[in-house]
PDB file of N, CA and C in Angstrom:
ATOM      1  N   MET A   1      14.323 -15.479   4.309  1.00  0.00           N
ATOM      2  CA  MET A   1      13.832 -14.946   3.061  1.00  0.00           C
ATOM      3  C   MET A   1      12.306 -14.917   3.066  1.00  0.00           C
ATOM      4  N   LEU A   2      11.811 -13.519   2.766  1.00  0.00           N
ATOM      5  CA  LEU A   2      10.258 -13.181   2.751  1.00  0.00           C
ATOM      6  C   LEU A   2       9.911 -13.176   1.436  1.00  0.00           C
ATOM      7  N   SER A   3       9.021 -13.989   1.025  1.00  0.00           N
ATOM      8  CA  SER A   3       8.408 -14.165  -0.466  1.00  0.00           C
ATOM      9  C   SER A   3       7.074 -13.491  -0.336  1.00  0.00           C
ATOM     10  N   ILE A   4       6.945 -12.459  -1.014  1.00  0.00           N
ATOM     11  CA  ILE A   4       5.474 -11.787  -1.181  1.00  0.00           C
ATOM     12  C   ILE A   4       4.944 -12.198  -2.505  1.00  0.00           C
ATOM     13  N   PRO A   5       3.740 -12.794  -2.507  1.00  0.00           N
ATOM     14  CA  PRO A   5       3.293 -12.857  -3.933  1.00  0.00           C
ATOM     15  C   PRO A   5       2.760 -11.646  -4.801  1.00  0.00           C
ATOM     16  N   GLY A   6       2.778 -11.687  -5.956  1.00  0.00           N
ATOM     17  CA  GLY A   6       2.623 -10.625  -6.917  1.00  0.00           C
ATOM     18  C   GLY A   6       1.106  -9.977  -6.607  1.00  0.00           C
ATOM     19  N   GLY A   7       1.040  -8.867  -6.865  1.00  0.00           N
ATOM     20  CA  GLY A   7      -0.343  -8.187  -6.769  1.00  0.00           C
ATOM     21  C   GLY A   7      -0.545  -7.776  -4.946  1.00  0.00           C
ATOM     22  N   VAL A   8       0.186  -8.022  -4.077  1.00  0.00           N
ATOM     23  CA  VAL A   8      -0.175  -7.916  -2.761  1.00  0.00           C
ATOM     24  C   VAL A   8       0.162  -6.196  -2.327  1.00  0.00           C
ATOM     25  N   SER A   9      -0.837  -5.719  -1.915  1.00  0.00           N
ATOM     26  CA  SER A   9      -0.845  -4.066  -1.452  1.00  0.00           C
ATOM     27  C   SER A   9       0.106  -4.121  -0.156  1.00  0.00           C
ATOM     28  N   ILE A  10       0.994  -3.377  -0.040  1.00  0.00           N
ATOM     29  CA  ILE A  10       2.095  -3.096   1.242  1.00  0.00           C
ATOM     30  C   ILE A  10       1.870  -1.941   1.619  1.00  0.00           C
ATOM     31  N   PHE A  11       1.340  -1.702   3.026  1.00  0.00           N
ATOM     32  CA  PHE A  11       1.019  -0.533   3.648  1.00  0.00           C
ATOM     33  C   PHE A  11       1.944  -0.543   4.753  1.00  0.00           C
ATOM     34  N   VAL A  12       2.679   0.745   4.877  1.00  0.00           N
ATOM     35  CA  VAL A  12       3.629   1.025   6.058  1.00  0.00           C
ATOM     36  C   VAL A  12       3.035   2.187   7.019  1.00  0.00           C
ATOM     37  N   HIS A  13       2.960   1.738   8.367  1.00  0.00           N
ATOM     38  CA  HIS A  13       2.443   2.502   9.271  1.00  0.00           C
ATOM     39  C   HIS A  13       3.625   3.411   9.840  1.00  0.00           C
ATOM     40  N   THR A  14       3.342   4.938   9.236  1.00  0.00           N
ATOM     41  CA  THR A  14       4.688   5.802   9.529  1.00  0.00           C
ATOM     42  C   THR A  14       4.663   6.211  10.801  1.00  0.00           C
ATOM     43  N   ARG A  15       3.748   6.129  11.917  1.00  0.00           N
ATOM     44  CA  ARG A  15       3.874   6.374  13.198  1.00  0.00           C
ATOM     45  C   ARG A  15       4.493   5.402  13.948  1.00  0.00           C
ATOM     46  N   PRO A  16       5.502   5.589  15.020  1.00  0.00           N
ATOM     47  CA  PRO A  16       5.959   4.641  15.849  1.00  0.00           C
ATOM     48  C   PRO A  16       4.959   3.929  16.394  1.00  0.00           C
ATOM     49  N   THR A  17       5.077   2.305  16.404  1.00  0.00           N
ATOM     50  CA  THR A  17       4.123   1.592  17.029  1.00  0.00           C
ATOM     51  C   THR A  17       4.699   0.671  18.125  1.00  0.00           C
ATOM     52  N   ASP A  18       3.939   0.670  19.235  1.00  0.00           N
ATOM     53  CA  ASP A  18       4.353  -0.699  20.233  1.00  0.00           C
ATOM     54  C   ASP A  18       4.153  -1.880  19.689  1.00  0.00           C
ATOM     55  N   LEU A  19       5.475  -2.320  19.381  1.00  0.00           N
ATOM     56  CA  LEU A  19       5.676  -3.764  18.769  1.00  0.00           C
ATOM     57  C   LEU A  19       5.382  -4.724  19.831  1.00  0.00           C
ATOM     58  N   ARG A  20       5.046  -4.715  21.088  1.00  0.00           N
ATOM     59  CA  ARG A  20       4.212  -5.602  21.953  1.00  0.00           C
ATOM     60  C   ARG A  20       3.040  -5.980  21.527  1.00  0.00           C
ATOM     61  N   LYS A  21       2.333  -5.216  20.800  1.00  0.00           N
ATOM     62  CA  LYS A  21       1.071  -5.554  20.301  1.00  0.00           C
ATOM     63  C   LYS A  21       1.145  -6.764  19.393  1.00  0.00           C
ATOM     64  N   SER A  22       0.172  -7.673  19.230  1.00  0.00           N
ATOM     65  CA  SER A  22       0.202  -8.639  18.632  1.00  0.00           C
ATOM     66  C   SER A  22      -0.934  -8.756  17.594  1.00  0.00           C
ATOM     67  N   PHE A  23      -1.543  -9.766  17.181  1.00  0.00           N
ATOM     68  CA  PHE A  23      -2.348  -9.727  16.156  1.00  0.00           C
ATOM     69  C   PHE A  23      -3.641  -8.711  16.244  1.00  0.00           C
ATOM     70  N   ASP A  24      -4.567  -8.959  17.546  1.00  0.00           N
ATOM     71  CA  ASP A  24      -5.540  -8.036  17.588  1.00  0.00           C
ATOM     72  C   ASP A  24      -5.180  -6.756  17.733  1.00  0.00           C
ATOM     73  N   GLY A  25      -3.963  -6.361  18.437  1.00  0.00           N
ATOM     74  CA  GLY A  25      -3.705  -5.028  18.660  1.00  0.00           C
ATOM     75  C   GLY A  25      -3.231  -4.247  17.193  1.00  0.00           C
ATOM     76  N   LEU A  26      -2.520  -4.936  16.542  1.00  0.00           N
ATOM     77  CA  LEU A  26      -2.239  -4.497  15.184  1.00  0.00           C
ATOM     78  C   LEU A  26      -3.288  -4.330  14.283  1.00  0.00           C
ATOM     79  N   CYS A  27      -4.360  -5.382  14.288  1.00  0.00           N
ATOM     80  CA  CYS A  27      -5.545  -5.163  13.659  1.00  0.00           C
ATOM     81  C   CYS A  27      -6.231  -4.137  13.971  1.00  0.00           C
ATOM     82  N   GLY A  28      -6.313  -3.443  15.236  1.00  0.00           N
ATOM     83  CA  GLY A  28      -6.888  -2.343  15.558  1.00  0.00           C
ATOM     84  C   GLY A  28      -6.447  -1.203  15.052  1.00  0.00           C
ATOM     85  N   ILE A  29      -5.065  -1.296  14.976  1.00  0.00           N
ATOM     86  CA  ILE A  29      -4.709   0.027  14.275  1.00  0.00           C
ATOM     87  C   ILE A  29      -4.823   0.160  12.718  1.00  0.00           C
ATOM     88  N   ILE A  30      -4.913  -1.213  12.061  1.00  0.00           N
ATOM     89  CA  ILE A  30      -5.212  -1.201  10.692  1.00  0.00           C
ATOM     90  C   ILE A  30      -6.531  -0.674  10.410  1.00  0.00           C
ATOM     91  N   ARG A  31      -7.651  -0.960  11.353  1.00  0.00           N
ATOM     92  CA  ARG A  31      -9.000  -0.627  11.117  1.00  0.00           C
ATOM     93  C   ARG A  31      -9.100   0.847  11.445  1.00  0.00           C
ATOM     94  N   ASN A  32      -8.439   1.310  12.632  1.00  0.00           N
ATOM     95  CA  ASN A  32      -9.026   2.785  13.163  1.00  0.00           C
ATOM     96  C   ASN A  32      -7.739   3.686  12.313  1.00  0.00           C
ATOM     97  N   GLU A  33      -6.717   3.545  12.111  1.00  0.00           N
ATOM     98  CA  GLU A  33      -5.858   4.499  11.559  1.00  0.00           C
ATOM     99  C   GLU A  33      -5.649   4.297   9.702  1.00  0.00           C
ATOM    100  N   PHE A  34      -5.767   3.148   9.467  1.00  0.00           N
ATOM    101  CA  PHE A  34      -5.621   2.835   8.148  1.00  0.00           C
ATOM    102  C   PHE A  34      -6.996   2.824   7.377  1.00  0.00           C
ATOM    103  N   GLY A  35      -8.051   2.713   8.101  1.00  0.00           N
ATOM    104  CA  GLY A  35      -9.324   2.585   7.507  1.00  0.00           C
ATOM    105  C   GLY A  35      -9.545   1.384   6.624  1.00  0.00           C
ATOM    106  N   ARG A  36      -8.850   0.297   6.906  1.00  0.00           N
ATOM    107  CA  ARG A  36      -8.726  -0.771   5.983  1.00  0.00           C
ATOM    108  C   ARG A  36      -9.153  -2.116   6.923  1.00  0.00           C
ATOM    109  N   GLU A  37      -9.297  -3.185   6.245  1.00  0.00           N
ATOM    110  CA  GLU A  37      -9.699  -4.652   6.914  1.00  0.00           C
ATOM    111  C   GLU A  37      -8.458  -5.277   6.820  1.00  0.00           C
ATOM    112  N   PRO A  38      -8.112  -5.847   7.943  1.00  0.00           N
ATOM    113  CA  PRO A  38      -6.844  -6.652   7.892  1.00  0.00           C
ATOM    114  C   PRO A  38      -6.885  -7.963   7.176  1.00  0.00           C
ATOM    115  N   LEU A  39      -8.106  -8.492   6.931  1.00  0.00           N
ATOM    116  CA  LEU A  39      -8.046  -9.653   6.172  1.00  0.00           C
ATOM    117  C   LEU A  39      -8.178  -9.497   4.796  1.00  0.00           C
ATOM    118  N   ASP A  40      -7.711  -8.390   4.171  1.00  0.00           N
ATOM    119  CA  ASP A  40      -8.095  -7.885   2.833  1.00  0.00           C
ATOM    120  C   ASP A  40      -6.690  -8.486   1.790  1.00  0.00           C
ATOM    121  N   GLY A  41      -6.056  -9.211   2.401  1.00  0.00           N
ATOM    122  CA  GLY A  41      -4.817  -9.677   1.658  1.00  0.00           C
ATOM    123  C   GLY A  41      -3.925  -8.826   1.359  1.00  0.00           C
ATOM    124  N   SER A  42      -3.778  -7.667   2.042  1.00  0.00           N
ATOM    125  CA  SER A  42      -2.697  -6.631   2.210  1.00  0.00           C
ATOM    126  C   SER A  42      -1.609  -7.157   3.323  1.00  0.00           C
ATOM    127  N   LEU A  43      -0.425  -6.505   2.964  1.00  0.00           N
ATOM    128  CA  LEU A  43       0.724  -6.773   4.029  1.00  0.00           C
ATOM    129  C   LEU A  43       0.812  -5.372   4.822  1.00  0.00           C
ATOM    130  N   TYR A  44       1.115  -5.488   6.037  1.00  0.00           N
ATOM    131  CA  TYR A  44       1.122  -4.121   6.820  1.00  0.00           C
ATOM    132  C   TYR A  44       2.228  -4.160   7.683  1.00  0.00           C
ATOM    133  N   LEU A  45       3.158  -3.082   7.401  1.00  0.00           N
ATOM    134  CA  LEU A  45       4.285  -3.004   8.293  1.00  0.00           C
ATOM    135  C   LEU A  45       4.420  -2.099   9.257  1.00  0.00           C
ATOM    136  N   PHE A  46       5.087  -2.299  10.402  1.00  0.00           N
ATOM    137  CA  PHE A  46       4.950  -1.365  11.527  1.00  0.00           C
ATOM    138  C   PHE A  46       6.451  -1.438  12.099  1.00  0.00           C
ATOM    139  N   LEU A  47       6.750  -0.092  12.451  1.00  0.00           N
ATOM    140  CA  LEU A  47       8.171  -0.052  12.852  1.00  0.00           C
ATOM    141  C   LEU A  47       8.221   0.552  14.489  1.00  0.00           C
ATOM    142  N   ASN A  48       9.086   0.307  15.341  1.00  0.00           N
ATOM    143  CA  ASN A  48       9.088   0.756  16.711  1.00  0.00           C
ATOM    144  C   ASN A  48       9.493   2.338  16.658  1.00  0.00           C
ATOM    145  N   GLY A  49       9.591   3.037  17.707  1.00  0.00           N
ATOM    146  CA  GLY A  49      10.170   4.249  17.822  1.00  0.00           C
ATOM    147  C   GLY A  49      11.612   4.598  17.468  1.00  0.00           C
ATOM    148  N   ARG A  50      12.413   3.508  17.871  1.00  0.00           N
ATOM    149  CA  ARG A  50      13.879   3.740  17.608  1.00  0.00           C
ATOM    150  C   ARG A  50      14.071   3.222  16.006  1.00  0.00           C
ATOM    151  N   ARG A  51      13.142   2.567  15.445  1.00  0.00           N
ATOM    152  CA  ARG A  51      13.369   1.976  13.983  1.00  0.00           C
ATOM    153  C   ARG A  51      14.270   0.841  13.958  1.00  0.00           C
ATOM    154  N   ASP A  52      14.398   0.233  15.183  1.00  0.00           N
ATOM    155  CA  ASP A  52      15.344  -1.075  14.941  1.00  0.00           C
ATOM    156  C   ASP A  52      14.875  -2.073  14.976  1.00  0.00           C
ATOM    157  N   ARG A  53      13.306  -2.192  14.966  1.00  0.00           N
ATOM    158  CA  ARG A  53      12.440  -3.339  14.935  1.00  0.00           C
ATOM    159  C   ARG A  53      11.348  -3.078  13.817  1.00  0.00           C
ATOM    160  N   VAL A  54      10.923  -4.328  13.287  1.00  0.00           N
ATOM    161  CA  VAL A  54       9.981  -4.227  12.371  1.00  0.00           C
ATOM    162  C   VAL A  54       8.917  -5.312  12.502  1.00  0.00           C
ATOM    163  N   LYS A  55       7.913  -5.048  12.324  1.00  0.00           N
ATOM    164  CA  LYS A  55       6.788  -6.360  12.433  1.00  0.00           C
ATOM    165  C   LYS A  55       5.965  -6.097  11.349  1.00  0.00           C
ATOM    166  N   LEU A  56       5.490  -7.150  10.451  1.00  0.00           N
ATOM    167  CA  LEU A  56       4.736  -7.256   9.416  1.00  0.00           C
ATOM    168  C   LEU A  56       3.339  -8.160   9.709  1.00  0.00           C
ATOM    169  N   LEU A  57       2.434  -7.856   9.276  1.00  0.00           N
ATOM    170  CA  LEU A  57       1.134  -8.705   9.462  1.00  0.00           C
ATOM    171  C   LEU A  57       0.392  -8.770   8.308  1.00  0.00           C
ATOM    172  N   TRP A  58       0.216 -10.022   7.779  1.00  0.00           N
ATOM    173  CA  TRP A  58      -0.585 -10.467   6.488  1.00  0.00           C
ATOM    174  C   TRP A  58      -1.472 -11.417   6.652  1.00  0.00           C
ATOM    175  N   TRP A  59      -2.409 -11.502   5.990  1.00  0.00           N
ATOM    176  CA  TRP A  59      -3.566 -12.376   6.038  1.00  0.00           C
ATOM    177  C   TRP A  59      -3.170 -13.425   4.724  1.00  0.00           C
ATOM    178  N   ASP A  60      -2.844 -14.460   5.201  1.00  0.00           N
ATOM    179  CA  ASP A  60      -2.302 -15.626   4.340  1.00  0.00           C
ATOM    180  C   ASP A  60      -3.587 -16.688   4.004  1.00  0.00           C
ATOM    181  N   ARG A  61      -4.617 -16.081   3.495  1.00  0.00           N
ATOM    182  CA  ARG A  61      -5.634 -16.907   2.934  1.00  0.00           C
ATOM    183  C   ARG A  61      -6.586 -17.754   4.141  1.00  0.00           C
ATOM    184  N   ASP A  62      -5.980 -18.119   4.881  1.00  0.00           N
ATOM    185  CA  ASP A  62      -6.438 -18.838   6.138  1.00  0.00           C
ATOM    186  C   ASP A  62      -5.966 -18.516   7.307  1.00  0.00           C
ATOM    187  N   GLY A  63      -5.268 -17.589   7.677  1.00  0.00           N
ATOM    188  CA  GLY A  63      -4.962 -17.075   8.871  1.00  0.00           C
ATOM    189  C   GLY A  63      -3.886 -15.931   8.715  1.00  0.00           C
ATOM    190  N   LEU A  64      -3.762 -15.182   9.799  1.00  0.00           N
ATOM    191  CA  LEU A  64      -2.900 -14.094  10.231  1.00  0.00           C
ATOM    192  C   LEU A  64      -1.531 -14.594  10.338  1.00  0.00           C
ATOM    193  N   ALA A  65      -0.590 -13.871   9.744  1.00  0.00           N
ATOM    194  CA  ALA A  65       0.951 -14.354  10.047  1.00  0.00           C
ATOM    195  C   ALA A  65       1.532 -12.966  10.396  1.00  0.00           C
ATOM    196  N   ILE A  66       2.623 -13.192  11.268  1.00  0.00           N
ATOM    197  CA  ILE A  66       3.311 -12.040  11.711  1.00  0.00           C
ATOM    198  C   ILE A  66       4.791 -12.429  11.440  1.00  0.00           C
ATOM    199  N   TRP A  67       5.623 -11.474  10.817  1.00  0.00           N
ATOM    200  CA  TRP A  67       6.920 -11.579  10.670  1.00  0.00           C
ATOM    201  C   TRP A  67       7.515 -10.491  11.385  1.00  0.00           C
ATOM    202  N   TYR A  68       8.828 -10.701  12.239  1.00  0.00           N
ATOM    203  CA  TYR A  68       9.420  -9.964  13.052  1.00  0.00           C
ATOM    204  C   TYR A  68      10.931  -9.858  12.875  1.00  0.00           C
ATOM    205  N   LYS A  69      11.258  -8.542  12.803  1.00  0.00           N
ATOM    206  CA  LYS A  69      12.851  -8.576  12.556  1.00  0.00           C
ATOM    207  C   LYS A  69      13.460  -7.435  13.665  1.00  0.00           C
ATOM    208  N   ARG A  70      14.457  -7.883  14.286  1.00  0.00           N
ATOM    209  CA  ARG A  70      15.210  -6.865  15.146  1.00  0.00           C
ATOM    210  C   ARG A  70      16.640  -6.730  14.646  1.00  0.00           C
ATOM    211  N   LEU A  71      17.096  -5.614  14.659  1.00  0.00           N
ATOM    212  CA  LEU A  71      18.380  -5.288  13.951  1.00  0.00           C
ATOM    213  C   LEU A  71      19.300  -5.291  15.141  1.00  0.00           C
ATOM    214  N   GLU A  72      20.540  -5.738  14.807  1.00  0.00           N
ATOM    215  CA  GLU A  72      21.605  -5.753  16.147  1.00  0.00           C
ATOM    216  C   GLU A  72      22.169  -4.493  15.982  1.00  0.00           C
ATOM    217  N   ALA A  73      22.309  -3.766  14.896  1.00  0.00           N
ATOM    218  CA  ALA A  73      23.124  -2.428  14.668  1.00  0.00           C
ATOM    219  C   ALA A  73      22.287  -1.690  13.602  1.00  0.00           C
ATOM    220  N   GLY A  74      22.100  -0.304  13.541  1.00  0.00           N
ATOM    221  CA  GLY A  74      21.476   0.349  12.613  1.00  0.00           C
ATOM    222  C   GLY A  74      20.040   0.537  12.861  1.00  0.00           C
ATOM    223  N   THR A  75      19.279   1.271  11.919  1.00  0.00           N
ATOM    224  CA  THR A  75      17.922   1.390  11.798  1.00  0.00           C
ATOM    225  C   THR A  75      17.379   1.250  10.450  1.00  0.00           C
ATOM    226  N   PHE A  76      16.171   1.054  10.365  1.00  0.00           N
ATOM    227  CA  PHE A  76      15.346   1.125   9.117  1.00  0.00           C
ATOM    228  C   PHE A  76      14.962   2.513   8.877  1.00  0.00           C
ATOM    229  N   GLU A  77      14.841   2.736   7.677  1.00  0.00           N
ATOM    230  CA  GLU A  77      14.488   4.133   7.144  1.00  0.00           C
ATOM    231  C   GLU A  77      13.175   4.563   7.740  1.00  0.00           C
ATOM    232  N   SER A  78      13.158   5.553   7.790  1.00  0.00           N
ATOM    233  CA  SER A  78      11.720   6.187   8.204  1.00  0.00           C
ATOM    234  C   SER A  78      10.894   6.629   7.136  1.00  0.00           C
ATOM    235  N   LEU A  79       9.837   6.182   6.842  1.00  0.00           N
ATOM    236  CA  LEU A  79       8.944   6.865   5.646  1.00  0.00           C
ATOM    237  C   LEU A  79       7.878   7.878   6.133  1.00  0.00           C
ATOM    238  N   ARG A  80       7.845   8.879   5.458  1.00  0.00           N
ATOM    239  CA  ARG A  80       7.013   9.995   5.822  1.00  0.00           C
ATOM    240  C   ARG A  80       6.354  10.472   4.580  1.00  0.00           C
ATOM    241  N   ASP A  81       4.809  10.637   4.590  1.00  0.00           N
ATOM    242  CA  ASP A  81       4.218  11.198   3.535  1.00  0.00           C
ATOM    243  C   ASP A  81       3.174  11.991   4.173  1.00  0.00           C
ATOM    244  N   ALA A  82       3.415  13.427   4.066  1.00  0.00           N
ATOM    245  CA  ALA A  82       2.375  14.309   4.734  1.00  0.00           C
ATOM    246  C   ALA A  82       1.157  14.352   4.021  1.00  0.00           C
ATOM    247  N   GLY A  83       0.844  13.704   2.857  1.00  0.00           N
ATOM    248  CA  GLY A  83      -0.524  13.736   2.411  1.00  0.00           C
ATOM    249  C   GLY A  83      -1.343  12.704   2.764  1.00  0.00           C
ATOM    250  N   GLU A  84      -0.820  11.598   3.077  1.00  0.00           N
ATOM    251  CA  GLU A  84      -1.327  10.267   3.759  1.00  0.00           C
ATOM    252  C   GLU A  84      -1.722  10.087   5.103  1.00  0.00           C
ATOM    253  N   GLY A  85      -1.134  10.949   5.637  1.00  0.00           N
ATOM    254  CA  GLY A  85      -1.189  10.650   7.504  1.00  0.00           C
ATOM    255  C   GLY A  85      -0.309   9.673   7.939  1.00  0.00           C
ATOM    256  N   ALA A  86      -1.084   8.551   8.419  1.00  0.00           N
ATOM    257  CA  ALA A  86      -0.421   7.465   9.118  1.00  0.00           C
ATOM    258  C   ALA A  86      -0.039   6.336   7.975  1.00  0.00           C
ATOM    259  N   LYS A  87      -0.076   6.372   6.961  1.00  0.00           N
ATOM    260  CA  LYS A  87       0.119   5.201   6.178  1.00  0.00           C
ATOM    261  C   LYS A  87       0.853   5.503   4.581  1.00  0.00           C
ATOM    262  N   VAL A  88       1.793   4.928   4.214  1.00  0.00           N
ATOM    263  CA  VAL A  88       2.418   5.028   3.040  1.00  0.00           C
ATOM    264  C   VAL A  88       2.255   3.588   2.532  1.00  0.00           C
ATOM    265  N   GLU A  89       1.842   3.543   0.881  1.00  0.00           N
ATOM    266  CA  GLU A  89       1.937   2.281   0.333  1.00  0.00           C
ATOM    267  C   GLU A  89       2.968   2.220  -0.413  1.00  0.00           C
ATOM    268  N   ILE A  90       3.870   1.183  -0.496  1.00  0.00           N
ATOM    269  CA  ILE A  90       4.869   0.797  -0.996  1.00  0.00           C
ATOM    270  C   ILE A  90       4.728  -0.739  -2.065  1.00  0.00           C
ATOM    271  N   ASP A  91       5.599  -0.999  -2.853  1.00  0.00           N
ATOM    272  CA  ASP A  91       5.509  -2.100  -3.581  1.00  0.00           C
ATOM    273  C   ASP A  91       6.689  -3.095  -3.080  1.00  0.00           C
ATOM    274  N   ALA A  92       6.653  -4.453  -3.636  1.00  0.00           N
ATOM    275  CA  ALA A  92       7.360  -5.383  -3.061  1.00  0.00           C
ATOM    276  C   ALA A  92       9.055  -5.086  -3.225  1.00  0.00           C
ATOM    277  N   THR A  93       9.282  -4.464  -4.174  1.00  0.00           N
ATOM    278  CA  THR A  93      10.814  -4.132  -4.324  1.00  0.00           C
ATOM    279  C   THR A  93      11.446  -2.916  -3.298  1.00  0.00           C
ATOM    280  N   GLU A  94      10.564  -2.020  -3.013  1.00  0.00           N
ATOM    281  CA  GLU A  94      10.586  -1.122  -2.157  1.00  0.00           C
ATOM    282  C   GLU A  94      10.811  -1.825  -0.573  1.00  0.00           C
ATOM    283  N   LEU A  95       9.864  -2.692  -0.302  1.00  0.00           N
ATOM    284  CA  LEU A  95      10.062  -3.574   0.899  1.00  0.00           C
ATOM    285  C   LEU A  95      11.079  -4.378   1.253  1.00  0.00           C
ATOM    286  N   ALA A  96      11.863  -5.082  -0.071  1.00  0.00           N
ATOM    287  CA  ALA A  96      12.985  -5.548  -0.067  1.00  0.00           C
ATOM    288  C   ALA A  96      14.323  -4.575   0.228  1.00  0.00           C
ATOM    289  N   LEU A  97      14.186  -3.505  -0.320  1.00  0.00           N
ATOM    290  CA  LEU A  97      15.228  -2.540  -0.230  1.00  0.00           C
ATOM    291  C   LEU A  97      15.047  -2.152   1.412  1.00  0.00           C
ATOM    292  N   LEU A  98      13.716  -1.687   1.939  1.00  0.00           N
ATOM    293  CA  LEU A  98      13.865  -1.280   3.125  1.00  0.00           C
ATOM    294  C   LEU A  98      14.163  -2.234   4.264  1.00  0.00           C
ATOM    295  N   LEU A  99      14.023  -3.443   4.074  1.00  0.00           N
ATOM    296  CA  LEU A  99      14.297  -4.405   4.805  1.00  0.00           C
ATOM    297  C   LEU A  99      15.867  -4.783   4.707  1.00  0.00           C
ATOM    298  N   GLY A 100      16.360  -4.698   3.526  1.00  0.00           N
ATOM    299  CA  GLY A 100      17.898  -4.793   3.308  1.00  0.00           C
ATOM    300  C   GLY A 100      18.631  -3.558   3.759  1.00  0.00           C
ATOM    301  N   GLY A 101      18.060  -2.634   4.181  1.00  0.00           N
ATOM    302  CA  GLY A 101      19.017  -1.412   4.557  1.00  0.00           C
ATOM    303  C   GLY A 101      19.492  -0.588   3.443  1.00  0.00           C
ATOM    304  N   VAL A 102      18.661  -0.540   2.517  1.00  0.00           N
ATOM    305  CA  VAL A 102      18.971   0.404   1.284  1.00  0.00           C
ATOM    306  C   VAL A 102      18.087   1.591   1.412  1.00  0.00           C
ATOM    307  N   SER A 103      18.582   2.801   1.283  1.00  0.00           N
ATOM    308  CA  SER A 103      17.827   4.029   1.438  1.00  0.00           C
ATOM    309  C   SER A 103      16.726   4.273   0.149  1.00  0.00           C
ATOM    310  N   LEU A 104      15.740   4.361   0.360  1.00  0.00           N
ATOM    311  CA  LEU A 104      14.846   4.364  -0.878  1.00  0.00           C
ATOM    312  C   LEU A 104      15.007   5.839  -1.514  1.00  0.00           C
ATOM    313  N   GLY A 105      15.458   6.763  -0.769  1.00  0.00           N
ATOM    314  CA  GLY A 105      15.657   8.103  -1.283  1.00  0.00           C
ATOM    315  C   GLY A 105      16.658   8.186  -2.432  1.00  0.00           C
ATOM    316  N   SER A 106      17.834   7.269  -2.097  1.00  0.00           N
ATOM    317  CA  SER A 106      19.021   7.272  -2.901  1.00  0.00           C
ATOM    318  C   SER A 106      18.784   6.279  -3.915  1.00  0.00           C
ATOM    319  N   ALA A 107      18.023   5.212  -3.903  1.00  0.00           N
ATOM    320  CA  ALA A 107      17.869   4.288  -4.786  1.00  0.00           C
ATOM    321  C   ALA A 107      16.999   4.955  -6.018  1.00  0.00           C
ATOM    322  N   GLN A 108      17.642   4.735  -7.206  1.00  0.00           N
ATOM    323  CA  GLN A 108      16.693   5.304  -8.350  1.00  0.00           C
ATOM    324  C   GLN A 108      16.140   4.170  -9.073  1.00  0.00           C
ATOM    325  N   ARG A 109      14.703   4.473  -9.300  1.00  0.00           N
ATOM    326  CA  ARG A 109      14.228   3.732 -10.109  1.00  0.00           C
ATOM    327  C   ARG A 109      14.160   3.765 -11.691  1.00  0.00           C
ATOM    328  N   ARG A 110      14.684   2.843 -12.414  1.00  0.00           N
ATOM    329  CA  ARG A 110      14.632   2.952 -13.965  1.00  0.00           C
ATOM    330  C   ARG A 110      13.124   2.780 -14.400  1.00  0.00           C
ATOM    331  N   LYS A 111      13.101   3.508 -15.700  1.00  0.00           N
ATOM    332  CA  LYS A 111      11.836   3.585 -16.387  1.00  0.00           C
ATOM    333  C   LYS A 111      11.464   2.181 -16.826  1.00  0.00           C
ATOM    334  N   ARG A 112      10.107   1.844 -16.453  1.00  0.00           N
ATOM    335  CA  ARG A 112       9.488   0.509 -16.985  1.00  0.00           C
ATOM    336  C   ARG A 112       7.920   0.851 -17.200  1.00  0.00           C
ATOM    337  N   TYR A 113       7.711   0.031 -18.120  1.00  0.00           N
ATOM    338  CA  TYR A 113       6.330   0.091 -18.621  1.00  0.00           C
ATOM    339  C   TYR A 113       5.326  -0.373 -17.255  1.00  0.00           C
ATOM    340  N   ARG A 114       4.152   0.631 -17.065  1.00  0.00           N
ATOM    341  CA  ARG A 114       3.283   0.321 -16.209  1.00  0.00           C
ATOM    342  C   ARG A 114       1.822   0.432 -16.620  1.00  0.00           C
ATOM    343  N   ARG A 115       1.235  -0.639 -16.610  1.00  0.00           N
ATOM    344  CA  ARG A 115      -0.085  -0.651 -17.233  1.00  0.00           C
ATOM    345  C   ARG A 115      -1.241   0.407 -16.172  1.00  0.00           C
ATOM    346  N   VAL A 116      -1.804   1.000 -16.884  1.00  0.00           N
ATOM    347  CA  VAL A 116      -2.716   2.002 -16.239  1.00  0.00           C
ATOM    348  C   VAL A 116      -4.150   1.401 -16.330  1.00  0.00           C
ATOM    349  N   ALA A 117      -4.487   1.333 -15.006  1.00  0.00           N
ATOM    350  CA  ALA A 117      -5.944   0.528 -14.587  1.00  0.00           C
ATOM    351  C   ALA A 117      -7.219   1.274 -14.833  1.00  0.00           C
TER     352      ALA A 117
END
């Protein structure tokens, strides 16, 4: 089970990624394509071309951590957002649904209070 602290931003790289990349290679993608710093405390999610593997990179206050999952059958949902280019931001609930195999398009979010910053 993956536990994400509250308030962590989660970014999905929407283009297929070579998951042979490790810490340094994924940090390069974050800097070059996201325009962000990998050590900012955000969680970054990468999918391979077949969408049957996912890798998450996260700065855990004192070091980088990688979480990797390979599906034995099926695929992860493909996220596309034409306005954002190579990245989409999701929340922890959407991440849990994505990793659990639930389609984000068919899952309906019920109305909740959201504080405007």
